[in-house]
Amino acid sequence: MASKTHVHTKRLSDTYIRELSVAYDKGGINYWDYSQQPKGIYFRSSLYEQPEGSMWKTWTTGQKGDGYIFVTPLDRYRPKALREVTERVVANADTIHALLDAADAHALTELKAILTGATVSGAAA
């Protein structure tokens, strides 16, 4: 993903961390499942194994709360659109981590509402 912005890191345990990031992607083929990805802004949550005090981290896949969400379709890169989504993630980082920990359908709906700037029906955590 181009124009990736690391937004927030949370230590989940002595061994694992979760990083939140926002990025503009030019679209194209998704190499995991060969689907066509649209152009626009994506939110990504990545889990890493990183023991406390270590500077090295290893990406872990298939974990609860790991993945990406397509947030905003764009025909071309717009820094303002990327900045707006990034600011929403920064302002709601603790809530987003709690929603990712819950990883249920209601939490996903609330997470999408936060990312798009829609009104959130109820507070999580």
C-alpha atoms as a PDB file:
ATOM      1  CA  MET A   1       0.000   0.000   0.000  1.00  0.00           C
ATOM      2  CA  ALA A   2       1.317   3.414  -0.922  1.00  0.00           C
ATOM      3  CA  SER A   3       1.201   6.401   1.439  1.00  0.00           C
ATOM      4  CA  LYS A   4       0.940   4.167   4.497  1.00  0.00           C
ATOM      5  CA  THR A   5       0.510   5.992   7.773  1.00  0.00           C
ATOM      6  CA  HIS A   6       1.255   4.121  10.992  1.00  0.00           C
ATOM      7  CA  VAL A   7      -1.301   5.439  13.448  1.00  0.00           C
ATOM      8  CA  HIS A   8      -1.208   3.565  16.763  1.00  0.00           C
ATOM      9  CA  THR A   9       0.445   0.604  18.519  1.00  0.00           C
ATOM     10  CA  LYS A  10      -0.932  -1.267  21.514  1.00  0.00           C
ATOM     11  CA  ARG A  11       0.821  -3.972  23.508  1.00  0.00           C
ATOM     12  CA  LEU A  12      -1.639  -6.854  23.868  1.00  0.00           C
ATOM     13  CA  SER A  13       0.558  -9.097  26.015  1.00  0.00           C
ATOM     14  CA  ASP A  14       4.206  -9.630  26.916  1.00  0.00           C
ATOM     15  CA  THR A  15       4.665 -11.137  23.456  1.00  0.00           C
ATOM     16  CA  TYR A  16       2.181  -9.510  21.053  1.00  0.00           C
ATOM     17  CA  ILE A  17       1.438  -6.010  19.748  1.00  0.00           C
ATOM     18  CA  ARG A  18      -1.241  -4.650  17.397  1.00  0.00           C
ATOM     19  CA  GLU A  19      -0.511  -1.821  14.962  1.00  0.00           C
ATOM     20  CA  LEU A  20      -3.213   0.286  13.342  1.00  0.00           C
ATOM     21  CA  SER A  21      -2.462   1.994  10.034  1.00  0.00           C
ATOM     22  CA  VAL A  22      -4.248   3.853   7.260  1.00  0.00           C
ATOM     23  CA  ALA A  23      -3.164   3.896   3.607  1.00  0.00           C
ATOM     24  CA  TYR A  24      -4.161   4.843   0.091  1.00  0.00           C
ATOM     25  CA  ASP A  25      -3.987   1.907  -2.303  1.00  0.00           C
ATOM     26  CA  LYS A  26      -4.021   2.137  -6.132  1.00  0.00           C
ATOM     27  CA  GLY A  27      -6.131  -0.990  -6.350  1.00  0.00           C
ATOM     28  CA  GLY A  28      -5.371  -4.020  -8.467  1.00  0.00           C
ATOM     29  CA  ILE A  29      -5.082  -7.720  -7.749  1.00  0.00           C
ATOM     30  CA  ASN A  30      -5.267  -8.986  -4.166  1.00  0.00           C
ATOM     31  CA  TYR A  31      -2.537 -11.628  -4.079  1.00  0.00           C
ATOM     32  CA  TRP A  32      -4.162 -13.524  -1.168  1.00  0.00           C
ATOM     33  CA  ASP A  33      -7.356 -14.423  -3.049  1.00  0.00           C
ATOM     34  CA  TYR A  34      -6.828 -12.926  -6.561  1.00  0.00           C
ATOM     35  CA  SER A  35      -9.856 -10.620  -6.253  1.00  0.00           C
ATOM     36  CA  GLN A  36      -9.875  -7.124  -7.769  1.00  0.00           C
ATOM     37  CA  GLN A  37      -9.263  -4.453  -5.099  1.00  0.00           C
ATOM     38  CA  PRO A  38     -10.703  -0.947  -5.636  1.00  0.00           C
ATOM     39  CA  LYS A  39      -8.701   2.297  -5.396  1.00  0.00           C
ATOM     40  CA  GLY A  40      -9.099   4.156  -2.145  1.00  0.00           C
ATOM     41  CA  ILE A  41      -8.283   4.365   1.528  1.00  0.00           C
ATOM     42  CA  TYR A  42      -7.848   1.229   3.611  1.00  0.00           C
ATOM     43  CA  PHE A  43      -7.603   0.707   7.366  1.00  0.00           C
ATOM     44  CA  ARG A  44      -5.294  -2.104   8.467  1.00  0.00           C
ATOM     45  CA  SER A  45      -4.853  -3.863  11.779  1.00  0.00           C
ATOM     46  CA  SER A  46      -1.711  -5.999  11.983  1.00  0.00           C
ATOM     47  CA  LEU A  47      -0.664  -8.315  14.797  1.00  0.00           C
ATOM     48  CA  TYR A  48       3.007  -8.887  15.479  1.00  0.00           C
ATOM     49  CA  GLU A  49       4.972 -11.081  17.820  1.00  0.00           C
ATOM     50  CA  GLN A  50       7.416  -8.774  19.596  1.00  0.00           C
ATOM     51  CA  PRO A  51       8.659  -9.704  23.071  1.00  0.00           C
ATOM     52  CA  GLU A  52       9.034  -6.722  25.390  1.00  0.00           C
ATOM     53  CA  GLY A  53      12.437  -5.091  24.992  1.00  0.00           C
ATOM     54  CA  SER A  54      12.973  -6.563  21.531  1.00  0.00           C
ATOM     55  CA  MET A  55      13.365  -4.323  18.496  1.00  0.00           C
ATOM     56  CA  TRP A  56      12.415  -7.163  16.097  1.00  0.00           C
ATOM     57  CA  LYS A  57       8.838  -8.073  15.309  1.00  0.00           C
ATOM     58  CA  THR A  58       7.294 -10.899  13.307  1.00  0.00           C
ATOM     59  CA  TRP A  59       3.967 -10.521  11.513  1.00  0.00           C
ATOM     60  CA  THR A  60       1.391 -13.130  12.537  1.00  0.00           C
ATOM     61  CA  THR A  61      -1.576 -13.917  10.291  1.00  0.00           C
ATOM     62  CA  GLY A  62      -4.980 -15.390  10.981  1.00  0.00           C
ATOM     63  CA  GLN A  63      -5.283 -13.884  14.445  1.00  0.00           C
ATOM     64  CA  LYS A  64      -8.461 -12.293  15.857  1.00  0.00           C
ATOM     65  CA  GLY A  65      -8.427  -8.577  14.989  1.00  0.00           C
ATOM     66  CA  ASP A  66      -5.951  -8.896  12.090  1.00  0.00           C
ATOM     67  CA  GLY A  67      -6.961  -7.660   8.636  1.00  0.00           C
ATOM     68  CA  TYR A  68      -8.061  -4.662   6.606  1.00  0.00           C
ATOM     69  CA  ILE A  69     -11.208  -2.698   5.774  1.00  0.00           C
ATOM     70  CA  PHE A  70     -11.895  -0.651   2.652  1.00  0.00           C
ATOM     71  CA  VAL A  71     -12.954   2.764   3.996  1.00  0.00           C
ATOM     72  CA  THR A  72     -13.227   5.324   1.186  1.00  0.00           C
ATOM     73  CA  PRO A  73     -13.330   4.823  -2.596  1.00  0.00           C
ATOM     74  CA  LEU A  74     -11.178   7.339  -4.511  1.00  0.00           C
ATOM     75  CA  ASP A  75     -10.432   7.786  -8.216  1.00  0.00           C
ATOM     76  CA  ARG A  76      -7.066   9.382  -7.369  1.00  0.00           C
ATOM     77  CA  TYR A  77      -4.976  10.001  -4.275  1.00  0.00           C
ATOM     78  CA  ARG A  78      -6.256  12.826  -2.052  1.00  0.00           C
ATOM     79  CA  PRO A  79      -4.071  13.636   0.980  1.00  0.00           C
ATOM     80  CA  LYS A  80      -6.976  15.330   2.773  1.00  0.00           C
ATOM     81  CA  ALA A  81      -9.095  12.159   2.616  1.00  0.00           C
ATOM     82  CA  LEU A  82      -6.206  10.088   4.003  1.00  0.00           C
ATOM     83  CA  ARG A  83      -5.616  12.652   6.758  1.00  0.00           C
ATOM     84  CA  GLU A  84      -9.319  12.641   7.778  1.00  0.00           C
ATOM     85  CA  VAL A  85      -9.417   8.857   8.212  1.00  0.00           C
ATOM     86  CA  THR A  86      -6.069   8.935  10.044  1.00  0.00           C
ATOM     87  CA  GLU A  87      -7.380  11.595  12.446  1.00  0.00           C
ATOM     88  CA  ARG A  88     -10.485   9.496  13.198  1.00  0.00           C
ATOM     89  CA  VAL A  89      -8.297   6.473  13.978  1.00  0.00           C
ATOM     90  CA  VAL A  90      -6.012   8.525  16.253  1.00  0.00           C
ATOM     91  CA  ALA A  91      -8.982  10.057  18.096  1.00  0.00           C
ATOM     92  CA  ASN A  92     -10.629   6.649  18.621  1.00  0.00           C
ATOM     93  CA  ALA A  93      -7.608   4.333  18.955  1.00  0.00           C
ATOM     94  CA  ASP A  94      -8.581   2.815  22.319  1.00  0.00           C
ATOM     95  CA  THR A  95     -12.145   2.180  21.158  1.00  0.00           C
ATOM     96  CA  ILE A  96     -10.880   0.637  17.908  1.00  0.00           C
ATOM     97  CA  HIS A  97      -8.582  -1.743  19.814  1.00  0.00           C
ATOM     98  CA  ALA A  98     -11.528  -2.771  22.032  1.00  0.00           C
ATOM     99  CA  LEU A  99     -13.706  -3.399  18.958  1.00  0.00           C
ATOM    100  CA  LEU A 100     -10.964  -5.496  17.355  1.00  0.00           C
ATOM    101  CA  ASP A 101     -10.676  -7.529  20.560  1.00  0.00           C
ATOM    102  CA  ALA A 102     -14.452  -8.171  20.467  1.00  0.00           C
ATOM    103  CA  ALA A 103     -14.358  -9.196  16.777  1.00  0.00           C
ATOM    104  CA  ASP A 104     -18.111  -9.737  16.366  1.00  0.00           C
ATOM    105  CA  ALA A 105     -20.631  -8.403  13.821  1.00  0.00           C
ATOM    106  CA  HIS A 106     -21.746  -5.483  16.023  1.00  0.00           C
ATOM    107  CA  ALA A 107     -18.129  -4.474  16.679  1.00  0.00           C
ATOM    108  CA  LEU A 108     -17.388  -4.540  12.940  1.00  0.00           C
ATOM    109  CA  THR A 109     -20.385  -2.280  12.260  1.00  0.00           C
ATOM    110  CA  GLU A 110     -19.202   0.194  14.904  1.00  0.00           C
ATOM    111  CA  LEU A 111     -15.625   0.075  13.599  1.00  0.00           C
ATOM    112  CA  LYS A 112     -16.788   0.874  10.059  1.00  0.00           C
ATOM    113  CA  ALA A 113     -18.882   3.770  11.426  1.00  0.00           C
ATOM    114  CA  ILE A 114     -15.852   5.222  13.226  1.00  0.00           C
ATOM    115  CA  LEU A 115     -13.639   4.879  10.153  1.00  0.00           C
ATOM    116  CA  THR A 116     -16.143   6.511   7.796  1.00  0.00           C
ATOM    117  CA  GLY A 117     -17.118   9.261  10.243  1.00  0.00           C
ATOM    118  CA  ALA A 118     -20.726   8.047  10.533  1.00  0.00           C
ATOM    119  CA  THR A 119     -22.636   8.367  13.792  1.00  0.00           C
ATOM    120  CA  VAL A 120     -21.895   5.477  16.146  1.00  0.00           C
ATOM    121  CA  SER A 121     -25.038   4.040  17.778  1.00  0.00           C
ATOM    122  CA  GLY A 122     -23.404   3.002  21.053  1.00  0.00           C
ATOM    123  CA  ALA A 123     -20.057   3.195  22.771  1.00  0.00           C
ATOM    124  CA  ALA A 124     -17.841   0.134  22.901  1.00  0.00           C
ATOM    125  CA  ALA A 125     -15.514  -0.239  25.868  1.00  0.00           C
END
